[in-house]
Amino acid sequence: MGFMDTLKKWFGQAKETAEKAAPYVEKAKEAASEAAGKAKEVAEDVAEKAAPYVEKAKEAASDVAEKAKEVASDVAEKAAPYVEKAKEAAGDVVETVKEKIEDVKESVIDKADDADDAADTAAEAAGDAAEATEEAVAEVADAAEEAAGEEG
């Protein structure tokens, strides 16, 4: 009988402790829920505030890409007559110059396209960050609820 009394005593104490802890667990659950709500609001606010800047960056990158393409085309057009004169005078050297000009033109176009891609990536990253924040907030709220459920 001594063992059973000890077990009853332990379980009684555990029940008392759980009852005493219940208000604190509830407060912690409420605090976590409030924090999660605030974090979600902040994440949404940040994503909303970042959207115009991301859009502006994307537009600027697109403009830069377009202007770079125009400049490269203008340079190629303006260089064409001189290339022809040089071709007559220098033969194979001119072909090398033409290739270099074309390489530079393609490089400028590639860099402009890369800038445009970077702007798209930045826009995606901002969206992903907002989404990840919302998911993290939901996980915190779920964990708080689970912890409250385990305590209660």
N, C-alpha and C. Protein backbone atom coordinates (compact mmCIF):
# COMPACT_ATOMS: atom_id res chain seq x y z
N MET A 1 0.81 -1.19 0.00
CA MET A 1 0.00 0.00 0.00
C MET A 1 0.87 1.27 0.00
N GLY A 2 2.03 1.23 0.51
CA GLY A 2 2.90 2.40 0.56
C GLY A 2 3.26 2.90 -0.83
N PHE A 3 3.48 1.98 -1.74
CA PHE A 3 3.83 2.34 -3.11
C PHE A 3 2.65 3.03 -3.80
N MET A 4 1.45 2.50 -3.62
CA MET A 4 0.27 3.09 -4.22
C MET A 4 0.02 4.49 -3.67
N ASP A 5 0.23 4.68 -2.37
CA ASP A 5 0.06 6.00 -1.76
C ASP A 5 1.06 6.99 -2.36
N THR A 6 2.29 6.54 -2.56
CA THR A 6 3.32 7.39 -3.15
C THR A 6 2.92 7.80 -4.56
N LEU A 7 2.45 6.82 -5.35
CA LEU A 7 2.02 7.13 -6.71
C LEU A 7 0.86 8.12 -6.72
N LYS A 8 -0.12 7.90 -5.83
CA LYS A 8 -1.26 8.82 -5.75
C LYS A 8 -0.79 10.22 -5.38
N LYS A 9 0.15 10.28 -4.45
CA LYS A 9 0.69 11.58 -4.02
C LYS A 9 1.37 12.29 -5.20
N TRP A 10 2.19 11.54 -5.95
CA TRP A 10 2.90 12.12 -7.09
C TRP A 10 1.93 12.62 -8.16
N PHE A 11 0.95 11.78 -8.49
CA PHE A 11 -0.03 12.17 -9.50
C PHE A 11 -0.86 13.35 -9.02
N GLY A 12 -1.18 13.39 -7.77
CA GLY A 12 -1.91 14.52 -7.19
C GLY A 12 -1.11 15.80 -7.31
N GLN A 13 0.19 15.70 -6.98
CA GLN A 13 1.05 16.88 -7.09
C GLN A 13 1.20 17.32 -8.55
N ALA A 14 1.29 16.38 -9.46
CA ALA A 14 1.41 16.71 -10.88
C ALA A 14 0.15 17.43 -11.35
N LYS A 15 -1.00 16.95 -10.91
CA LYS A 15 -2.27 17.58 -11.29
C LYS A 15 -2.35 18.99 -10.73
N GLU A 16 -1.94 19.17 -9.48
CA GLU A 16 -1.95 20.50 -8.87
C GLU A 16 -1.03 21.46 -9.63
N THR A 17 0.14 20.96 -9.97
CA THR A 17 1.11 21.78 -10.71
C THR A 17 0.53 22.18 -12.07
N ALA A 18 -0.09 21.24 -12.75
CA ALA A 18 -0.69 21.52 -14.05
C ALA A 18 -1.79 22.55 -13.91
N GLU A 19 -2.60 22.45 -12.87
CA GLU A 19 -3.68 23.42 -12.65
C GLU A 19 -3.11 24.80 -12.35
N LYS A 20 -2.04 24.85 -11.58
CA LYS A 20 -1.42 26.14 -11.27
C LYS A 20 -0.77 26.75 -12.52
N ALA A 21 -0.23 25.90 -13.38
CA ALA A 21 0.47 26.38 -14.57
C ALA A 21 -0.49 26.77 -15.69
N ALA A 22 -1.71 26.29 -15.64
CA ALA A 22 -2.67 26.53 -16.73
C ALA A 22 -2.84 28.01 -17.07
N PRO A 23 -3.01 28.92 -16.08
CA PRO A 23 -3.16 30.33 -16.45
C PRO A 23 -1.91 30.88 -17.15
N TYR A 24 -0.73 30.42 -16.72
CA TYR A 24 0.51 30.90 -17.34
C TYR A 24 0.63 30.38 -18.77
N VAL A 25 0.23 29.14 -18.96
CA VAL A 25 0.27 28.57 -20.31
C VAL A 25 -0.69 29.33 -21.21
N GLU A 26 -1.86 29.66 -20.69
CA GLU A 26 -2.84 30.42 -21.47
C GLU A 26 -2.29 31.80 -21.83
N LYS A 27 -1.63 32.46 -20.84
CA LYS A 27 -1.03 33.76 -21.10
C LYS A 27 0.06 33.65 -22.17
N ALA A 28 0.87 32.61 -22.07
CA ALA A 28 1.94 32.41 -23.05
C ALA A 28 1.35 32.16 -24.44
N LYS A 29 0.28 31.40 -24.47
CA LYS A 29 -0.38 31.12 -25.74
C LYS A 29 -0.93 32.42 -26.35
N GLU A 30 -1.57 33.25 -25.53
CA GLU A 30 -2.10 34.52 -26.00
C GLU A 30 -0.97 35.43 -26.48
N ALA A 31 0.12 35.48 -25.71
CA ALA A 31 1.25 36.33 -26.09
C ALA A 31 1.86 35.87 -27.41
N ALA A 32 1.99 34.56 -27.57
CA ALA A 32 2.55 34.03 -28.82
C ALA A 32 1.62 34.33 -29.98
N SER A 33 0.33 34.22 -29.74
CA SER A 33 -0.64 34.52 -30.79
C SER A 33 -0.59 35.98 -31.18
N GLU A 34 -0.50 36.87 -30.17
CA GLU A 34 -0.39 38.30 -30.46
C GLU A 34 0.90 38.60 -31.21
N ALA A 35 2.00 38.00 -30.76
CA ALA A 35 3.29 38.23 -31.42
C ALA A 35 3.23 37.73 -32.86
N ALA A 36 2.60 36.58 -33.06
CA ALA A 36 2.48 36.04 -34.41
C ALA A 36 1.66 36.98 -35.28
N GLY A 37 0.58 37.51 -34.73
CA GLY A 37 -0.24 38.46 -35.49
C GLY A 37 0.53 39.70 -35.86
N LYS A 38 1.27 40.23 -34.89
CA LYS A 38 2.06 41.43 -35.15
C LYS A 38 3.14 41.15 -36.19
N ALA A 39 3.79 40.00 -36.07
CA ALA A 39 4.85 39.64 -37.02
C ALA A 39 4.26 39.50 -38.43
N LYS A 40 3.08 38.92 -38.50
CA LYS A 40 2.44 38.77 -39.81
C LYS A 40 2.11 40.14 -40.39
N GLU A 41 1.59 41.05 -39.54
CA GLU A 41 1.29 42.39 -40.01
C GLU A 41 2.56 43.09 -40.51
N VAL A 42 3.64 42.95 -39.75
CA VAL A 42 4.91 43.58 -40.13
C VAL A 42 5.40 42.99 -41.45
N ALA A 43 5.32 41.68 -41.59
CA ALA A 43 5.78 41.03 -42.82
C ALA A 43 4.96 41.51 -44.01
N GLU A 44 3.64 41.60 -43.82
CA GLU A 44 2.80 42.08 -44.91
C GLU A 44 3.12 43.53 -45.23
N ASP A 45 3.33 44.32 -44.18
CA ASP A 45 3.66 45.74 -44.37
C ASP A 45 4.98 45.89 -45.13
N VAL A 46 5.98 45.10 -44.73
CA VAL A 46 7.28 45.17 -45.40
C VAL A 46 7.14 44.77 -46.86
N ALA A 47 6.41 43.70 -47.11
CA ALA A 47 6.24 43.25 -48.50
C ALA A 47 5.50 44.31 -49.30
N GLU A 48 4.48 44.92 -48.68
CA GLU A 48 3.71 45.96 -49.37
C GLU A 48 4.57 47.18 -49.66
N LYS A 49 5.38 47.58 -48.66
CA LYS A 49 6.23 48.76 -48.84
C LYS A 49 7.36 48.49 -49.84
N ALA A 50 7.83 47.26 -49.89
CA ALA A 50 8.94 46.92 -50.79
C ALA A 50 8.48 46.79 -52.24
N ALA A 51 7.22 46.47 -52.44
CA ALA A 51 6.72 46.21 -53.79
C ALA A 51 6.99 47.36 -54.76
N PRO A 52 6.71 48.62 -54.38
CA PRO A 52 6.97 49.70 -55.35
C PRO A 52 8.46 49.84 -55.69
N TYR A 53 9.31 49.62 -54.70
CA TYR A 53 10.75 49.75 -54.96
C TYR A 53 11.24 48.61 -55.85
N VAL A 54 10.72 47.44 -55.62
CA VAL A 54 11.09 46.30 -56.47
C VAL A 54 10.63 46.57 -57.89
N GLU A 55 9.41 47.10 -58.02
CA GLU A 55 8.88 47.41 -59.34
C GLU A 55 9.72 48.49 -60.02
N LYS A 56 10.10 49.52 -59.24
CA LYS A 56 10.94 50.58 -59.80
C LYS A 56 12.29 50.03 -60.24
N ALA A 57 12.87 49.15 -59.42
CA ALA A 57 14.16 48.55 -59.78
C ALA A 57 14.03 47.72 -61.05
N LYS A 58 12.93 47.01 -61.15
CA LYS A 58 12.70 46.19 -62.33
C LYS A 58 12.55 47.08 -63.57
N GLU A 59 11.79 48.16 -63.42
CA GLU A 59 11.61 49.09 -64.55
C GLU A 59 12.94 49.75 -64.92
N ALA A 60 13.70 50.15 -63.89
CA ALA A 60 14.99 50.79 -64.17
C ALA A 60 15.92 49.83 -64.89
N ALA A 61 15.96 48.60 -64.43
CA ALA A 61 16.82 47.61 -65.07
C ALA A 61 16.38 47.36 -66.51
N SER A 62 15.09 47.34 -66.71
CA SER A 62 14.56 47.15 -68.06
C SER A 62 14.95 48.33 -68.95
N ASP A 63 14.83 49.56 -68.39
CA ASP A 63 15.22 50.75 -69.15
C ASP A 63 16.71 50.72 -69.48
N VAL A 64 17.52 50.35 -68.50
CA VAL A 64 18.97 50.27 -68.72
C VAL A 64 19.27 49.24 -69.81
N ALA A 65 18.60 48.12 -69.74
CA ALA A 65 18.83 47.08 -70.75
C ALA A 65 18.47 47.59 -72.15
N GLU A 66 17.34 48.27 -72.23
CA GLU A 66 16.90 48.80 -73.52
C GLU A 66 17.88 49.86 -74.04
N LYS A 67 18.29 50.77 -73.18
CA LYS A 67 19.23 51.83 -73.59
C LYS A 67 20.58 51.23 -74.00
N ALA A 68 21.02 50.23 -73.26
CA ALA A 68 22.29 49.59 -73.59
C ALA A 68 22.22 48.93 -74.97
N LYS A 69 21.08 48.32 -75.25
CA LYS A 69 20.90 47.70 -76.57
C LYS A 69 20.94 48.77 -77.67
N GLU A 70 20.27 49.91 -77.40
CA GLU A 70 20.26 51.00 -78.38
C GLU A 70 21.66 51.55 -78.61
N VAL A 71 22.38 51.79 -77.50
CA VAL A 71 23.73 52.33 -77.61
C VAL A 71 24.63 51.36 -78.37
N ALA A 72 24.52 50.09 -78.04
CA ALA A 72 25.35 49.10 -78.72
C ALA A 72 25.05 49.08 -80.22
N SER A 73 23.76 49.18 -80.56
CA SER A 73 23.40 49.22 -81.98
C SER A 73 23.93 50.47 -82.66
N ASP A 74 23.80 51.63 -81.97
CA ASP A 74 24.32 52.89 -82.52
C ASP A 74 25.82 52.82 -82.74
N VAL A 75 26.53 52.30 -81.75
CA VAL A 75 27.98 52.18 -81.86
C VAL A 75 28.34 51.29 -83.05
N ALA A 76 27.63 50.19 -83.18
CA ALA A 76 27.91 49.28 -84.29
C ALA A 76 27.65 49.95 -85.63
N GLU A 77 26.54 50.71 -85.70
CA GLU A 77 26.21 51.40 -86.95
C GLU A 77 27.25 52.47 -87.30
N LYS A 78 27.64 53.25 -86.28
CA LYS A 78 28.61 54.32 -86.50
C LYS A 78 29.99 53.76 -86.83
N ALA A 79 30.29 52.62 -86.28
CA ALA A 79 31.61 52.03 -86.51
C ALA A 79 31.70 51.33 -87.86
N ALA A 80 30.58 50.98 -88.44
CA ALA A 80 30.58 50.19 -89.68
C ALA A 80 31.38 50.84 -90.82
N PRO A 81 31.20 52.13 -91.12
CA PRO A 81 31.99 52.70 -92.24
C PRO A 81 33.49 52.66 -91.97
N TYR A 82 33.86 52.93 -90.73
CA TYR A 82 35.29 52.92 -90.40
C TYR A 82 35.86 51.51 -90.48
N VAL A 83 35.04 50.58 -90.13
CA VAL A 83 35.47 49.18 -90.22
C VAL A 83 35.71 48.82 -91.69
N GLU A 84 34.84 49.30 -92.56
CA GLU A 84 35.03 49.01 -93.99
C GLU A 84 36.33 49.61 -94.53
N LYS A 85 36.62 50.87 -94.13
CA LYS A 85 37.86 51.50 -94.58
C LYS A 85 39.07 50.75 -94.04
N ALA A 86 38.97 50.37 -92.78
CA ALA A 86 40.07 49.65 -92.17
C ALA A 86 40.24 48.28 -92.81
N LYS A 87 39.15 47.71 -93.23
CA LYS A 87 39.20 46.40 -93.88
C LYS A 87 40.02 46.46 -95.17
N GLU A 88 39.80 47.50 -95.90
CA GLU A 88 40.56 47.68 -97.14
C GLU A 88 42.04 47.82 -96.83
N ALA A 89 42.36 48.50 -95.76
CA ALA A 89 43.75 48.77 -95.44
C ALA A 89 44.41 47.64 -94.66
N ALA A 90 43.67 46.95 -93.84
CA ALA A 90 44.32 46.01 -92.95
C ALA A 90 43.92 44.56 -93.12
N GLY A 91 42.96 44.27 -93.95
CA GLY A 91 42.61 42.87 -94.24
C GLY A 91 42.06 42.12 -93.04
N ASP A 92 42.80 41.13 -92.60
CA ASP A 92 42.35 40.24 -91.52
C ASP A 92 42.17 40.95 -90.18
N VAL A 93 42.91 42.01 -89.95
CA VAL A 93 42.81 42.74 -88.68
C VAL A 93 41.39 43.27 -88.51
N VAL A 94 40.79 43.70 -89.59
CA VAL A 94 39.44 44.25 -89.53
C VAL A 94 38.44 43.18 -89.07
N GLU A 95 38.58 41.99 -89.55
CA GLU A 95 37.68 40.92 -89.13
C GLU A 95 37.76 40.72 -87.62
N THR A 96 38.96 40.80 -87.10
CA THR A 96 39.15 40.68 -85.66
C THR A 96 38.46 41.83 -84.93
N VAL A 97 38.58 43.04 -85.47
CA VAL A 97 37.95 44.21 -84.86
C VAL A 97 36.43 44.04 -84.89
N LYS A 98 35.89 43.61 -86.00
CA LYS A 98 34.45 43.40 -86.11
C LYS A 98 33.96 42.39 -85.06
N GLU A 99 34.73 41.32 -84.96
CA GLU A 99 34.36 40.29 -83.98
C GLU A 99 34.38 40.85 -82.56
N LYS A 100 35.41 41.65 -82.28
CA LYS A 100 35.51 42.25 -80.94
C LYS A 100 34.35 43.19 -80.68
N ILE A 101 33.99 44.00 -81.68
CA ILE A 101 32.87 44.93 -81.53
C ILE A 101 31.58 44.13 -81.29
N GLU A 102 31.40 43.09 -82.05
CA GLU A 102 30.21 42.25 -81.88
C GLU A 102 30.20 41.60 -80.50
N ASP A 103 31.37 41.12 -80.06
CA ASP A 103 31.48 40.52 -78.72
C ASP A 103 31.11 41.53 -77.64
N VAL A 104 31.62 42.75 -77.80
CA VAL A 104 31.33 43.80 -76.82
C VAL A 104 29.83 44.10 -76.83
N LYS A 105 29.29 44.20 -78.03
CA LYS A 105 27.85 44.46 -78.16
C LYS A 105 27.05 43.36 -77.46
N GLU A 106 27.39 42.12 -77.73
CA GLU A 106 26.69 41.00 -77.10
C GLU A 106 26.89 40.99 -75.59
N SER A 107 28.10 41.33 -75.19
CA SER A 107 28.38 41.40 -73.75
C SER A 107 27.53 42.46 -73.07
N VAL A 108 27.43 43.63 -73.70
CA VAL A 108 26.61 44.71 -73.14
C VAL A 108 25.15 44.26 -73.07
N ILE A 109 24.68 43.64 -74.13
CA ILE A 109 23.30 43.16 -74.15
C ILE A 109 23.10 42.09 -73.08
N ASP A 110 24.06 41.17 -72.95
CA ASP A 110 23.98 40.13 -71.91
C ASP A 110 23.93 40.74 -70.52
N LYS A 111 24.79 41.75 -70.29
CA LYS A 111 24.82 42.40 -68.97
C LYS A 111 23.50 43.11 -68.70
N ALA A 112 22.96 43.74 -69.72
CA ALA A 112 21.66 44.41 -69.55
C ALA A 112 20.57 43.39 -69.25
N ASP A 113 20.60 42.26 -69.95
CA ASP A 113 19.64 41.19 -69.67
C ASP A 113 19.84 40.64 -68.26
N ASP A 114 21.10 40.52 -67.83
CA ASP A 114 21.39 40.05 -66.46
C ASP A 114 20.82 41.01 -65.43
N ALA A 115 20.91 42.30 -65.70
CA ALA A 115 20.36 43.30 -64.77
C ALA A 115 18.84 43.15 -64.69
N ASP A 116 18.22 42.92 -65.82
CA ASP A 116 16.77 42.71 -65.86
C ASP A 116 16.41 41.45 -65.06
N ASP A 117 17.18 40.37 -65.26
CA ASP A 117 16.96 39.12 -64.52
C ASP A 117 17.16 39.33 -63.02
N ALA A 118 18.15 40.13 -62.65
CA ALA A 118 18.41 40.40 -61.24
C ALA A 118 17.23 41.13 -60.61
N ALA A 119 16.64 42.04 -61.34
CA ALA A 119 15.47 42.74 -60.82
C ALA A 119 14.31 41.77 -60.61
N ASP A 120 14.11 40.85 -61.56
CA ASP A 120 13.08 39.83 -61.41
C ASP A 120 13.36 38.96 -60.19
N THR A 121 14.63 38.59 -60.00
CA THR A 121 15.02 37.76 -58.86
C THR A 121 14.76 38.49 -57.55
N ALA A 122 15.06 39.79 -57.53
CA ALA A 122 14.81 40.59 -56.32
C ALA A 122 13.32 40.63 -56.00
N ALA A 123 12.50 40.77 -57.02
CA ALA A 123 11.06 40.79 -56.80
C ALA A 123 10.59 39.46 -56.25
N GLU A 124 11.09 38.36 -56.80
CA GLU A 124 10.74 37.03 -56.29
C GLU A 124 11.22 36.84 -54.86
N ALA A 125 12.42 37.32 -54.57
CA ALA A 125 12.98 37.17 -53.23
C ALA A 125 12.14 37.91 -52.21
N ALA A 126 11.68 39.11 -52.57
CA ALA A 126 10.84 39.88 -51.65
C ALA A 126 9.54 39.13 -51.39
N GLY A 127 8.95 38.59 -52.43
CA GLY A 127 7.73 37.79 -52.27
C GLY A 127 7.97 36.55 -51.43
N ASP A 128 9.09 35.86 -51.70
CA ASP A 128 9.43 34.65 -50.93
C ASP A 128 9.67 34.98 -49.47
N ALA A 129 10.32 36.11 -49.21
CA ALA A 129 10.60 36.50 -47.82
C ALA A 129 9.30 36.76 -47.07
N ALA A 130 8.38 37.44 -47.72
CA ALA A 130 7.09 37.71 -47.08
C ALA A 130 6.36 36.41 -46.81
N GLU A 131 6.40 35.51 -47.78
CA GLU A 131 5.73 34.22 -47.63
C GLU A 131 6.38 33.39 -46.53
N ALA A 132 7.70 33.38 -46.48
CA ALA A 132 8.43 32.63 -45.45
C ALA A 132 8.13 33.18 -44.06
N THR A 133 8.03 34.50 -43.97
CA THR A 133 7.71 35.13 -42.68
C THR A 133 6.32 34.72 -42.22
N GLU A 134 5.37 34.71 -43.14
CA GLU A 134 4.03 34.31 -42.79
C GLU A 134 4.01 32.85 -42.33
N GLU A 135 4.76 31.99 -43.01
CA GLU A 135 4.82 30.58 -42.62
C GLU A 135 5.47 30.41 -41.25
N ALA A 136 6.53 31.18 -41.00
CA ALA A 136 7.21 31.10 -39.71
C ALA A 136 6.28 31.56 -38.60
N VAL A 137 5.52 32.60 -38.86
CA VAL A 137 4.58 33.10 -37.86
C VAL A 137 3.53 32.03 -37.57
N ALA A 138 3.05 31.38 -38.61
CA ALA A 138 2.05 30.32 -38.43
C ALA A 138 2.65 29.17 -37.63
N GLU A 139 3.90 28.81 -37.88
CA GLU A 139 4.56 27.73 -37.15
C GLU A 139 4.72 28.09 -35.67
N VAL A 140 5.05 29.33 -35.39
CA VAL A 140 5.19 29.77 -34.00
C VAL A 140 3.85 29.67 -33.29
N ALA A 141 2.80 30.12 -33.97
CA ALA A 141 1.47 30.07 -33.38
C ALA A 141 1.06 28.61 -33.13
N ASP A 142 1.33 27.74 -34.11
CA ASP A 142 1.01 26.31 -33.96
C ASP A 142 1.78 25.70 -32.80
N ALA A 143 3.07 26.03 -32.71
CA ALA A 143 3.90 25.49 -31.64
C ALA A 143 3.40 25.96 -30.29
N ALA A 144 2.98 27.21 -30.22
CA ALA A 144 2.46 27.73 -28.95
C ALA A 144 1.18 27.02 -28.57
N GLU A 145 0.34 26.76 -29.55
CA GLU A 145 -0.90 26.05 -29.28
C GLU A 145 -0.62 24.61 -28.85
N GLU A 146 0.33 23.96 -29.51
CA GLU A 146 0.69 22.59 -29.12
C GLU A 146 1.27 22.55 -27.72
N ALA A 147 2.11 23.52 -27.41
CA ALA A 147 2.70 23.57 -26.07
C ALA A 147 1.62 23.79 -25.03
N ALA A 148 0.67 24.63 -25.36
CA ALA A 148 -0.44 24.89 -24.42
C ALA A 148 -1.28 23.63 -24.26
N GLY A 149 -1.47 22.92 -25.37
CA GLY A 149 -2.24 21.68 -25.31
C GLY A 149 -1.55 20.60 -24.49
N GLU A 150 -0.23 20.52 -24.59
CA GLU A 150 0.52 19.52 -23.85
C GLU A 150 0.55 19.84 -22.37
N GLU A 151 0.58 21.12 -22.02
CA GLU A 151 0.62 21.52 -20.62
C GLU A 151 -0.74 21.31 -19.97
N GLY A 152 -1.77 21.58 -20.72
CA GLY A 152 -3.16 21.52 -20.20
C GLY A 152 -3.64 20.15 -20.23
